[in-house]
Amino acid sequence: MKILLHMCCGPCSCYPLKKLRSDGHEIKGYFFNPNIHPYKEFKQRFETALEFAEKVNMPLEVDKNYDLRSFLQRALTAEKREETLTEKPRCRMCYAWRLHQAAIYAKENGFDAFTSTLFVSPYQLHNVMKDVAEKIAKAVGIEFYYEDFRTGWDEGVEICQELELYRQPYCGCIFSEEERYSNRWKKQHKKKMKKLRESM
């Protein structure tokens, strides 16, 4: 099967690419991540994706457009609709935007299916991503190739280290950067979640 592999980054691509190739699939990478902030981090990640692709001999399409304003507009609009404890609306929006672009590219360029390296991360909202991808596949008219790559997370980290790839410390967006480093945010979020649970 000819599969387009949406890449959130080089490191997360290590295990999915190995697994898909071992299963006999033909793979091309697709880097589209307008969520990544700041620009230096964005540039570091697409350069690492290019480095990874070269080292493993994988064709790769890279979208180098830094679209922070569009991401923030979409994310903040999604956040206003936040109603549950189980799902971050901005994350769902972000998954949908990136996977939709991947699906369209796959459809227009003769691929049999699309998938994403996002499914290797134990830190993402896995079931939300799967639901989003399945709906996008149906809307665009191309197959979504699902596999839970999380079983290979540790192996992927080892491959990343062997290839000496830059490995980022947070998901990518300005919000995840804040959540990773801001003690103030963590305290405020904890209080917010406690208040919401008590009101349920």
N, C-alpha and C. Protein backbone atom coordinates (compact mmCIF):
# COMPACT_ATOMS: atom_id res chain seq x y z
N MET A 1 0.84 -1.19 0.00
CA MET A 1 0.00 0.00 0.00
C MET A 1 0.88 1.25 0.00
N LYS A 2 0.48 2.26 -0.77
CA LYS A 2 1.20 3.52 -0.83
C LYS A 2 0.57 4.47 0.20
N ILE A 3 1.33 4.77 1.27
CA ILE A 3 0.79 5.54 2.39
C ILE A 3 1.53 6.86 2.58
N LEU A 4 0.76 7.92 2.79
CA LEU A 4 1.33 9.22 3.14
C LEU A 4 1.39 9.29 4.66
N LEU A 5 2.58 9.54 5.18
CA LEU A 5 2.80 9.59 6.62
C LEU A 5 2.94 11.04 7.07
N HIS A 6 1.87 11.58 7.67
CA HIS A 6 1.98 12.92 8.23
C HIS A 6 2.98 12.86 9.39
N MET A 7 3.96 13.77 9.38
CA MET A 7 5.00 13.78 10.40
C MET A 7 4.85 15.00 11.30
N CYS A 8 4.66 14.78 12.58
CA CYS A 8 4.64 15.90 13.52
C CYS A 8 6.07 16.36 13.79
N CYS A 9 7.03 15.44 13.61
CA CYS A 9 8.45 15.74 13.82
C CYS A 9 9.28 14.54 13.38
N GLY A 10 10.60 14.70 13.38
CA GLY A 10 11.48 13.59 13.02
C GLY A 10 11.48 12.47 14.03
N PRO A 11 11.69 12.77 15.32
CA PRO A 11 11.76 11.72 16.34
C PRO A 11 10.54 10.81 16.40
N CYS A 12 9.35 11.40 16.31
CA CYS A 12 8.13 10.59 16.38
C CYS A 12 7.92 9.76 15.12
N SER A 13 8.70 10.03 14.08
CA SER A 13 8.57 9.28 12.83
C SER A 13 9.37 7.98 12.85
N CYS A 14 10.30 7.87 13.78
CA CYS A 14 11.24 6.74 13.78
C CYS A 14 10.56 5.38 13.80
N TYR A 15 9.73 5.16 14.79
CA TYR A 15 9.08 3.84 14.88
C TYR A 15 8.00 3.64 13.83
N PRO A 16 7.08 4.59 13.61
CA PRO A 16 6.05 4.36 12.60
C PRO A 16 6.61 4.02 11.23
N LEU A 17 7.66 4.73 10.80
CA LEU A 17 8.24 4.44 9.50
C LEU A 17 8.81 3.02 9.47
N LYS A 18 9.54 2.64 10.51
CA LYS A 18 10.11 1.30 10.57
C LYS A 18 9.02 0.24 10.51
N LYS A 19 7.96 0.43 11.27
CA LYS A 19 6.86 -0.55 11.32
C LYS A 19 6.14 -0.64 9.98
N LEU A 20 5.83 0.50 9.39
CA LEU A 20 5.10 0.51 8.12
C LEU A 20 5.93 -0.12 7.00
N ARG A 21 7.21 0.17 6.98
CA ARG A 21 8.07 -0.43 5.97
C ARG A 21 8.21 -1.93 6.17
N SER A 22 8.29 -2.36 7.43
CA SER A 22 8.41 -3.79 7.71
C SER A 22 7.15 -4.55 7.29
N ASP A 23 6.04 -3.83 7.25
CA ASP A 23 4.77 -4.43 6.81
C ASP A 23 4.59 -4.36 5.30
N GLY A 24 5.59 -3.84 4.61
CA GLY A 24 5.59 -3.85 3.15
C GLY A 24 5.00 -2.64 2.46
N HIS A 25 4.77 -1.57 3.21
CA HIS A 25 4.16 -0.38 2.61
C HIS A 25 5.21 0.57 2.03
N GLU A 26 4.78 1.31 1.02
CA GLU A 26 5.62 2.37 0.42
C GLU A 26 5.24 3.68 1.10
N ILE A 27 6.23 4.36 1.66
CA ILE A 27 5.94 5.52 2.50
C ILE A 27 6.57 6.82 1.96
N LYS A 28 5.77 7.88 2.04
CA LYS A 28 6.29 9.23 1.81
C LYS A 28 5.90 10.08 3.01
N GLY A 29 6.83 10.90 3.49
CA GLY A 29 6.55 11.77 4.62
C GLY A 29 5.91 13.08 4.19
N TYR A 30 5.13 13.66 5.09
CA TYR A 30 4.47 14.94 4.81
C TYR A 30 4.51 15.78 6.07
N PHE A 31 5.27 16.87 6.05
CA PHE A 31 5.42 17.74 7.21
C PHE A 31 4.55 18.97 7.05
N PHE A 32 3.48 19.04 7.83
CA PHE A 32 2.59 20.19 7.86
C PHE A 32 2.19 20.41 9.31
N ASN A 33 2.78 21.43 9.94
CA ASN A 33 2.57 21.67 11.37
C ASN A 33 2.58 23.16 11.69
N PRO A 34 1.50 23.86 11.31
CA PRO A 34 1.44 25.31 11.56
C PRO A 34 1.26 25.67 13.03
N ASN A 35 1.13 24.67 13.87
CA ASN A 35 0.94 24.89 15.31
C ASN A 35 2.24 25.19 16.04
N ILE A 36 3.38 24.84 15.48
CA ILE A 36 4.65 24.90 16.21
C ILE A 36 5.11 26.35 16.44
N HIS A 37 5.53 26.60 17.66
CA HIS A 37 5.96 27.93 18.10
C HIS A 37 7.16 27.79 19.03
N PRO A 38 8.11 28.74 19.04
CA PRO A 38 8.24 29.90 18.16
C PRO A 38 8.84 29.51 16.81
N TYR A 39 9.17 30.52 15.99
CA TYR A 39 9.67 30.22 14.65
C TYR A 39 10.95 29.40 14.68
N LYS A 40 11.85 29.71 15.63
CA LYS A 40 13.12 28.95 15.71
C LYS A 40 12.85 27.48 15.97
N GLU A 41 11.84 27.19 16.78
CA GLU A 41 11.47 25.79 17.05
C GLU A 41 10.87 25.16 15.81
N PHE A 42 10.02 25.91 15.12
CA PHE A 42 9.41 25.43 13.88
C PHE A 42 10.50 25.07 12.86
N LYS A 43 11.46 25.97 12.69
CA LYS A 43 12.55 25.75 11.74
C LYS A 43 13.40 24.55 12.15
N GLN A 44 13.66 24.42 13.44
CA GLN A 44 14.45 23.29 13.95
C GLN A 44 13.74 21.97 13.64
N ARG A 45 12.44 21.97 13.80
CA ARG A 45 11.70 20.72 13.59
C ARG A 45 11.60 20.32 12.12
N PHE A 46 11.36 21.30 11.23
CA PHE A 46 11.28 20.86 9.83
C PHE A 46 12.66 20.51 9.30
N GLU A 47 13.71 21.14 9.81
CA GLU A 47 15.06 20.76 9.41
C GLU A 47 15.42 19.37 9.93
N THR A 48 14.93 19.04 11.14
CA THR A 48 15.16 17.70 11.69
C THR A 48 14.38 16.66 10.89
N ALA A 49 13.18 17.04 10.43
CA ALA A 49 12.38 16.13 9.59
C ALA A 49 13.13 15.84 8.29
N LEU A 50 13.72 16.88 7.71
CA LEU A 50 14.51 16.71 6.49
C LEU A 50 15.74 15.84 6.75
N GLU A 51 16.39 16.07 7.88
CA GLU A 51 17.56 15.28 8.25
C GLU A 51 17.18 13.80 8.42
N PHE A 52 16.07 13.57 9.11
CA PHE A 52 15.60 12.20 9.31
C PHE A 52 15.30 11.52 7.97
N ALA A 53 14.58 12.22 7.10
CA ALA A 53 14.21 11.66 5.81
C ALA A 53 15.43 11.27 4.99
N GLU A 54 16.45 12.12 5.06
CA GLU A 54 17.68 11.84 4.31
C GLU A 54 18.39 10.62 4.88
N LYS A 55 18.43 10.52 6.20
CA LYS A 55 19.14 9.40 6.83
C LYS A 55 18.46 8.06 6.61
N VAL A 56 17.14 8.07 6.44
CA VAL A 56 16.41 6.81 6.26
C VAL A 56 15.94 6.62 4.82
N ASN A 57 16.37 7.53 3.94
CA ASN A 57 16.04 7.44 2.52
C ASN A 57 14.54 7.41 2.28
N MET A 58 13.85 8.40 2.80
CA MET A 58 12.41 8.51 2.63
C MET A 58 12.06 9.80 1.91
N PRO A 59 11.25 9.75 0.85
CA PRO A 59 10.82 11.00 0.19
C PRO A 59 9.97 11.80 1.17
N LEU A 60 10.08 13.12 1.07
CA LEU A 60 9.39 13.97 2.04
C LEU A 60 8.93 15.28 1.41
N GLU A 61 7.68 15.64 1.70
CA GLU A 61 7.13 16.93 1.30
C GLU A 61 7.05 17.79 2.56
N VAL A 62 7.65 18.99 2.52
CA VAL A 62 7.67 19.86 3.68
C VAL A 62 6.98 21.18 3.38
N ASP A 63 6.00 21.53 4.20
CA ASP A 63 5.36 22.84 4.12
C ASP A 63 6.08 23.75 5.11
N LYS A 64 6.84 24.72 4.59
CA LYS A 64 7.66 25.59 5.43
C LYS A 64 6.95 26.87 5.85
N ASN A 65 5.67 26.98 5.57
CA ASN A 65 4.93 28.19 5.92
C ASN A 65 4.70 28.26 7.42
N TYR A 66 5.14 29.35 8.01
CA TYR A 66 4.96 29.58 9.45
C TYR A 66 3.68 30.40 9.61
N ASP A 67 2.62 29.76 10.08
CA ASP A 67 1.29 30.37 10.08
C ASP A 67 0.75 30.53 11.49
N LEU A 68 1.49 31.21 12.35
CA LEU A 68 1.12 31.36 13.75
C LEU A 68 -0.21 32.07 13.94
N ARG A 69 -0.46 33.13 13.18
CA ARG A 69 -1.69 33.90 13.36
C ARG A 69 -2.94 33.05 13.09
N SER A 70 -2.90 32.28 12.02
CA SER A 70 -4.06 31.42 11.70
C SER A 70 -4.25 30.36 12.79
N PHE A 71 -3.15 29.81 13.27
CA PHE A 71 -3.26 28.81 14.34
C PHE A 71 -3.89 29.42 15.58
N LEU A 72 -3.42 30.59 15.99
CA LEU A 72 -3.94 31.22 17.20
C LEU A 72 -5.42 31.57 17.06
N GLN A 73 -5.82 32.06 15.90
CA GLN A 73 -7.23 32.38 15.67
C GLN A 73 -8.09 31.14 15.81
N ARG A 74 -7.65 30.05 15.22
CA ARG A 74 -8.41 28.79 15.29
C ARG A 74 -8.42 28.24 16.71
N ALA A 75 -7.27 28.29 17.36
CA ALA A 75 -7.15 27.71 18.71
C ALA A 75 -7.98 28.47 19.73
N LEU A 76 -7.92 29.79 19.69
CA LEU A 76 -8.66 30.59 20.66
C LEU A 76 -10.17 30.48 20.44
N THR A 77 -10.57 30.36 19.19
CA THR A 77 -11.99 30.16 18.90
C THR A 77 -12.45 28.82 19.45
N ALA A 78 -11.63 27.80 19.28
CA ALA A 78 -11.96 26.46 19.79
C ALA A 78 -12.02 26.45 21.31
N GLU A 79 -11.10 27.17 21.94
CA GLU A 79 -11.06 27.20 23.41
C GLU A 79 -12.34 27.79 24.00
N LYS A 80 -12.96 28.71 23.30
CA LYS A 80 -14.19 29.33 23.80
C LYS A 80 -15.33 28.32 23.90
N ARG A 81 -15.19 27.21 23.15
CA ARG A 81 -16.24 26.20 23.15
C ARG A 81 -15.96 25.08 24.15
N GLU A 82 -14.93 25.25 25.00
CA GLU A 82 -14.55 24.19 25.93
C GLU A 82 -15.68 23.89 26.91
N GLU A 83 -16.10 22.63 26.93
CA GLU A 83 -17.23 22.25 27.77
C GLU A 83 -16.98 21.00 28.61
N THR A 84 -15.95 20.25 28.32
CA THR A 84 -15.73 19.00 29.03
C THR A 84 -14.32 18.93 29.61
N LEU A 85 -14.14 17.98 30.52
CA LEU A 85 -12.82 17.75 31.12
C LEU A 85 -12.01 16.76 30.30
N THR A 86 -12.66 16.04 29.42
CA THR A 86 -12.02 14.93 28.75
C THR A 86 -11.36 15.29 27.42
N GLU A 87 -11.58 16.50 26.94
CA GLU A 87 -11.05 16.84 25.63
C GLU A 87 -10.67 18.30 25.55
N LYS A 88 -9.51 18.59 24.98
CA LYS A 88 -9.08 19.96 24.75
C LYS A 88 -9.51 20.36 23.33
N PRO A 89 -10.45 21.28 23.21
CA PRO A 89 -10.94 21.67 21.87
C PRO A 89 -9.83 22.15 20.94
N ARG A 90 -8.86 22.89 21.48
CA ARG A 90 -7.79 23.39 20.60
C ARG A 90 -6.95 22.24 20.05
N CYS A 91 -6.80 21.18 20.84
CA CYS A 91 -6.03 20.02 20.36
C CYS A 91 -6.80 19.31 19.25
N ARG A 92 -8.10 19.16 19.43
CA ARG A 92 -8.92 18.53 18.40
C ARG A 92 -8.85 19.34 17.11
N MET A 93 -8.94 20.67 17.24
CA MET A 93 -8.82 21.53 16.08
C MET A 93 -7.48 21.34 15.39
N CYS A 94 -6.43 21.28 16.18
CA CYS A 94 -5.07 21.15 15.64
C CYS A 94 -4.89 19.81 14.91
N TYR A 95 -5.39 18.73 15.52
CA TYR A 95 -5.33 17.43 14.85
C TYR A 95 -6.08 17.49 13.52
N ALA A 96 -7.28 18.06 13.58
CA ALA A 96 -8.13 18.09 12.38
C ALA A 96 -7.49 18.88 11.25
N TRP A 97 -6.91 20.03 11.58
CA TRP A 97 -6.28 20.87 10.56
C TRP A 97 -5.15 20.11 9.86
N ARG A 98 -4.27 19.53 10.64
CA ARG A 98 -3.10 18.85 10.07
C ARG A 98 -3.48 17.58 9.33
N LEU A 99 -4.37 16.78 9.91
CA LEU A 99 -4.77 15.53 9.26
C LEU A 99 -5.59 15.79 8.01
N HIS A 100 -6.38 16.86 8.01
CA HIS A 100 -7.17 17.20 6.83
C HIS A 100 -6.25 17.57 5.67
N GLN A 101 -5.22 18.36 5.95
CA GLN A 101 -4.27 18.73 4.90
C GLN A 101 -3.55 17.49 4.36
N ALA A 102 -3.20 16.58 5.28
CA ALA A 102 -2.53 15.34 4.86
C ALA A 102 -3.45 14.50 3.98
N ALA A 103 -4.71 14.40 4.36
CA ALA A 103 -5.68 13.62 3.58
C ALA A 103 -5.86 14.19 2.18
N ILE A 104 -5.95 15.50 2.10
CA ILE A 104 -6.11 16.16 0.79
C ILE A 104 -4.88 15.92 -0.08
N TYR A 105 -3.69 16.09 0.51
CA TYR A 105 -2.46 15.87 -0.25
C TYR A 105 -2.40 14.41 -0.74
N ALA A 106 -2.75 13.48 0.14
CA ALA A 106 -2.73 12.06 -0.23
C ALA A 106 -3.70 11.77 -1.36
N LYS A 107 -4.89 12.33 -1.26
CA LYS A 107 -5.92 12.13 -2.28
C LYS A 107 -5.48 12.68 -3.63
N GLU A 108 -4.93 13.88 -3.60
CA GLU A 108 -4.55 14.56 -4.85
C GLU A 108 -3.29 13.98 -5.49
N ASN A 109 -2.52 13.22 -4.72
CA ASN A 109 -1.25 12.70 -5.25
C ASN A 109 -1.19 11.18 -5.37
N GLY A 110 -2.33 10.56 -5.42
CA GLY A 110 -2.40 9.15 -5.76
C GLY A 110 -2.01 8.16 -4.68
N PHE A 111 -2.13 8.54 -3.42
CA PHE A 111 -1.84 7.61 -2.34
C PHE A 111 -3.07 6.74 -2.04
N ASP A 112 -2.83 5.58 -1.48
CA ASP A 112 -3.92 4.68 -1.11
C ASP A 112 -4.52 5.05 0.24
N ALA A 113 -3.71 5.67 1.09
CA ALA A 113 -4.16 6.00 2.44
C ALA A 113 -3.23 7.02 3.07
N PHE A 114 -3.66 7.55 4.21
CA PHE A 114 -2.81 8.45 4.99
C PHE A 114 -2.84 8.01 6.45
N THR A 115 -1.78 8.37 7.18
CA THR A 115 -1.73 8.12 8.61
C THR A 115 -0.84 9.20 9.22
N SER A 116 -0.54 9.10 10.51
CA SER A 116 0.26 10.14 11.15
C SER A 116 1.14 9.58 12.26
N THR A 117 2.29 10.22 12.42
CA THR A 117 3.19 9.86 13.52
C THR A 117 2.63 10.29 14.87
N LEU A 118 1.58 11.10 14.87
CA LEU A 118 0.93 11.50 16.11
C LEU A 118 0.46 10.29 16.91
N PHE A 119 0.18 9.20 16.22
CA PHE A 119 -0.34 8.01 16.88
C PHE A 119 0.72 7.20 17.61
N VAL A 120 1.95 7.70 17.65
CA VAL A 120 2.99 7.03 18.42
C VAL A 120 3.11 7.62 19.82
N SER A 121 2.59 8.82 20.01
CA SER A 121 2.80 9.54 21.27
C SER A 121 1.82 9.15 22.37
N PRO A 122 2.33 8.80 23.54
CA PRO A 122 1.45 8.51 24.68
C PRO A 122 0.91 9.79 25.31
N TYR A 123 1.35 10.94 24.82
CA TYR A 123 0.94 12.22 25.40
C TYR A 123 -0.20 12.89 24.63
N GLN A 124 -0.55 12.34 23.47
CA GLN A 124 -1.63 12.92 22.68
C GLN A 124 -2.97 12.31 23.06
N LEU A 125 -4.05 12.94 22.61
CA LEU A 125 -5.40 12.43 22.86
C LEU A 125 -5.72 11.42 21.76
N HIS A 126 -5.30 10.20 21.98
CA HIS A 126 -5.30 9.16 20.94
C HIS A 126 -6.68 8.92 20.33
N ASN A 127 -7.68 8.72 21.17
CA ASN A 127 -9.02 8.41 20.67
C ASN A 127 -9.64 9.60 19.93
N VAL A 128 -9.31 10.80 20.38
CA VAL A 128 -9.77 12.00 19.69
C VAL A 128 -9.17 12.05 18.29
N MET A 129 -7.88 11.80 18.19
CA MET A 129 -7.20 11.81 16.89
C MET A 129 -7.81 10.77 15.96
N LYS A 130 -8.06 9.59 16.48
CA LYS A 130 -8.62 8.51 15.66
C LYS A 130 -10.00 8.88 15.13
N ASP A 131 -10.81 9.45 16.00
CA ASP A 131 -12.15 9.87 15.60
C ASP A 131 -12.07 10.95 14.52
N VAL A 132 -11.21 11.92 14.72
CA VAL A 132 -11.02 13.01 13.75
C VAL A 132 -10.55 12.46 12.41
N ALA A 133 -9.56 11.60 12.43
CA ALA A 133 -8.98 11.05 11.20
C ALA A 133 -10.00 10.24 10.41
N GLU A 134 -10.80 9.46 11.10
CA GLU A 134 -11.81 8.64 10.43
C GLU A 134 -12.87 9.50 9.75
N LYS A 135 -13.27 10.58 10.41
CA LYS A 135 -14.26 11.49 9.82
C LYS A 135 -13.68 12.23 8.62
N ILE A 136 -12.43 12.62 8.71
CA ILE A 136 -11.77 13.31 7.61
C ILE A 136 -11.62 12.37 6.41
N ALA A 137 -11.23 11.15 6.66
CA ALA A 137 -11.06 10.16 5.59
C ALA A 137 -12.37 9.99 4.81
N LYS A 138 -13.46 9.91 5.54
CA LYS A 138 -14.77 9.75 4.90
C LYS A 138 -15.13 10.98 4.08
N ALA A 139 -14.85 12.16 4.63
CA ALA A 139 -15.20 13.41 3.94
C ALA A 139 -14.36 13.62 2.69
N VAL A 140 -13.07 13.30 2.77
CA VAL A 140 -12.15 13.53 1.64
C VAL A 140 -12.23 12.41 0.61
N GLY A 141 -12.58 11.22 1.07
CA GLY A 141 -12.68 10.08 0.16
C GLY A 141 -11.38 9.33 -0.02
N ILE A 142 -10.67 9.14 1.08
CA ILE A 142 -9.44 8.36 1.05
C ILE A 142 -9.33 7.57 2.35
N GLU A 143 -8.67 6.45 2.31
CA GLU A 143 -8.58 5.59 3.50
C GLU A 143 -7.64 6.18 4.56
N PHE A 144 -8.06 6.06 5.80
CA PHE A 144 -7.19 6.38 6.92
C PHE A 144 -6.61 5.06 7.42
N TYR A 145 -5.29 4.94 7.39
CA TYR A 145 -4.63 3.73 7.85
C TYR A 145 -4.35 3.87 9.34
N TYR A 146 -5.12 3.14 10.13
CA TYR A 146 -4.95 3.25 11.58
C TYR A 146 -4.04 2.16 12.14
N GLU A 147 -3.12 2.58 12.99
CA GLU A 147 -2.33 1.65 13.79
C GLU A 147 -1.91 2.37 15.06
N ASP A 148 -2.02 1.67 16.17
CA ASP A 148 -1.59 2.24 17.45
C ASP A 148 -0.09 2.04 17.57
N PHE A 149 0.65 3.07 17.21
CA PHE A 149 2.11 2.99 17.22
C PHE A 149 2.71 3.16 18.61
N ARG A 150 1.88 3.42 19.62
CA ARG A 150 2.41 3.69 20.96
C ARG A 150 3.21 2.52 21.52
N THR A 151 2.95 1.31 21.03
CA THR A 151 3.70 0.14 21.50
C THR A 151 5.18 0.26 21.16
N GLY A 152 5.51 1.08 20.18
CA GLY A 152 6.90 1.24 19.77
C GLY A 152 7.53 2.55 20.22
N TRP A 153 6.90 3.21 21.19
CA TRP A 153 7.41 4.50 21.66
C TRP A 153 8.87 4.42 22.12
N ASP A 154 9.16 3.47 23.01
CA ASP A 154 10.53 3.34 23.55
C ASP A 154 11.54 3.00 22.45
N GLU A 155 11.13 2.14 21.54
CA GLU A 155 12.01 1.78 20.44
C GLU A 155 12.28 3.00 19.55
N GLY A 156 11.26 3.81 19.36
CA GLY A 156 11.41 5.02 18.56
C GLY A 156 12.40 5.99 19.19
N VAL A 157 12.36 6.11 20.51
CA VAL A 157 13.29 6.98 21.23
C VAL A 157 14.72 6.48 21.02
N GLU A 158 14.90 5.17 21.07
CA GLU A 158 16.23 4.59 20.86
C GLU A 158 16.75 4.86 19.44
N ILE A 159 15.87 4.71 18.45
CA ILE A 159 16.26 4.97 17.06
C ILE A 159 16.63 6.44 16.90
N CYS A 160 15.84 7.33 17.52
CA CYS A 160 16.10 8.76 17.47
C CYS A 160 17.49 9.08 18.02
N GLN A 161 17.84 8.46 19.12
CA GLN A 161 19.15 8.68 19.73
C GLN A 161 20.27 8.15 18.85
N GLU A 162 20.04 7.00 18.23
CA GLU A 162 21.03 6.42 17.32
C GLU A 162 21.28 7.33 16.12
N LEU A 163 20.22 7.95 15.64
CA LEU A 163 20.33 8.84 14.47
C LEU A 163 20.79 10.24 14.86
N GLU A 164 20.89 10.48 16.18
CA GLU A 164 21.33 11.78 16.73
C GLU A 164 20.43 12.93 16.23
N LEU A 165 19.13 12.73 16.37
CA LEU A 165 18.17 13.74 15.96
C LEU A 165 17.82 14.67 17.12
N TYR A 166 17.54 15.91 16.79
CA TYR A 166 17.04 16.85 17.80
C TYR A 166 15.68 16.36 18.29
N ARG A 167 15.52 16.30 19.61
CA ARG A 167 14.25 15.83 20.20
C ARG A 167 13.67 16.94 21.07
N GLN A 168 12.50 17.41 20.71
CA GLN A 168 11.88 18.56 21.35
C GLN A 168 11.30 18.21 22.73
N PRO A 169 11.21 19.21 23.63
CA PRO A 169 10.73 18.97 24.99
C PRO A 169 9.24 19.23 25.20
N TYR A 170 8.51 19.67 24.16
CA TYR A 170 7.07 19.92 24.31
C TYR A 170 6.37 19.68 22.98
N CYS A 171 5.04 19.57 23.03
CA CYS A 171 4.26 19.19 21.86
C CYS A 171 4.54 20.08 20.66
N GLY A 172 4.47 21.40 20.87
CA GLY A 172 4.78 22.28 19.75
C GLY A 172 4.14 23.65 19.80
N CYS A 173 2.88 23.73 20.21
CA CYS A 173 2.21 25.02 20.16
C CYS A 173 2.56 25.89 21.36
N ILE A 174 2.19 27.16 21.28
CA ILE A 174 2.50 28.11 22.33
C ILE A 174 1.81 27.72 23.64
N PHE A 175 0.65 27.07 23.54
CA PHE A 175 -0.07 26.63 24.73
C PHE A 175 0.64 25.47 25.42
N SER A 176 1.12 24.52 24.62
CA SER A 176 1.82 23.38 25.20
C SER A 176 3.17 23.80 25.77
N GLU A 177 3.76 24.83 25.18
CA GLU A 177 5.01 25.36 25.72
C GLU A 177 4.75 25.96 27.12
N GLU A 178 3.64 26.68 27.23
CA GLU A 178 3.27 27.25 28.53
C GLU A 178 3.00 26.14 29.54
N GLU A 179 2.27 25.13 29.13
CA GLU A 179 1.94 24.02 30.03
C GLU A 179 3.18 23.26 30.47
N ARG A 180 4.18 23.23 29.61
CA ARG A 180 5.41 22.51 29.92
C ARG A 180 6.28 23.26 30.92
N TYR A 181 6.32 24.60 30.83
CA TYR A 181 7.29 25.36 31.60
C TYR A 181 6.71 26.28 32.69
N SER A 182 5.43 26.61 32.61
CA SER A 182 4.86 27.60 33.53
C SER A 182 4.25 26.96 34.79
N ASN A 183 4.88 27.20 35.93
CA ASN A 183 4.33 26.71 37.20
C ASN A 183 3.03 27.44 37.52
N ARG A 184 2.95 28.70 37.14
CA ARG A 184 1.73 29.48 37.38
C ARG A 184 0.55 28.86 36.65
N TRP A 185 0.77 28.49 35.38
CA TRP A 185 -0.30 27.87 34.60
C TRP A 185 -0.73 26.56 35.25
N LYS A 186 0.23 25.75 35.68
CA LYS A 186 -0.09 24.45 36.27
C LYS A 186 -0.97 24.61 37.51
N LYS A 187 -0.66 25.61 38.35
CA LYS A 187 -1.44 25.85 39.55
C LYS A 187 -2.85 26.32 39.21
N GLN A 188 -2.96 27.23 38.23
CA GLN A 188 -4.26 27.75 37.83
C GLN A 188 -5.11 26.64 37.21
N HIS A 189 -4.47 25.81 36.41
CA HIS A 189 -5.19 24.72 35.75
C HIS A 189 -5.71 23.71 36.78
N LYS A 190 -4.90 23.42 37.76
CA LYS A 190 -5.29 22.47 38.81
C LYS A 190 -6.51 22.98 39.57
N LYS A 191 -6.52 24.28 39.89
CA LYS A 191 -7.66 24.89 40.58
C LYS A 191 -8.91 24.87 39.71
N LYS A 192 -8.73 25.13 38.43
CA LYS A 192 -9.86 25.15 37.49
C LYS A 192 -10.49 23.76 37.39
N MET A 193 -9.64 22.74 37.26
CA MET A 193 -10.15 21.38 37.14
C MET A 193 -10.88 20.94 38.41
N LYS A 194 -10.35 21.34 39.55
CA LYS A 194 -10.98 20.98 40.82
C LYS A 194 -12.36 21.63 40.93
N LYS A 195 -12.44 22.89 40.53
CA LYS A 195 -13.71 23.61 40.60
C LYS A 195 -14.74 22.98 39.66
N LEU A 196 -14.32 22.60 38.47
CA LEU A 196 -15.23 21.99 37.49
C LEU A 196 -15.74 20.64 37.99
N ARG A 197 -14.83 19.85 38.58
CA ARG A 197 -15.25 18.53 39.09
C ARG A 197 -16.26 18.68 40.23
N GLU A 198 -16.03 19.67 41.08
CA GLU A 198 -16.93 19.87 42.22
C GLU A 198 -18.32 20.33 41.78
N SER A 199 -18.38 20.99 40.63
CA SER A 199 -19.66 21.48 40.14
C SER A 199 -20.45 20.42 39.36
N MET A 200 -19.83 19.29 39.09
CA MET A 200 -20.50 18.24 38.31
C MET A 200 -21.31 17.30 39.20
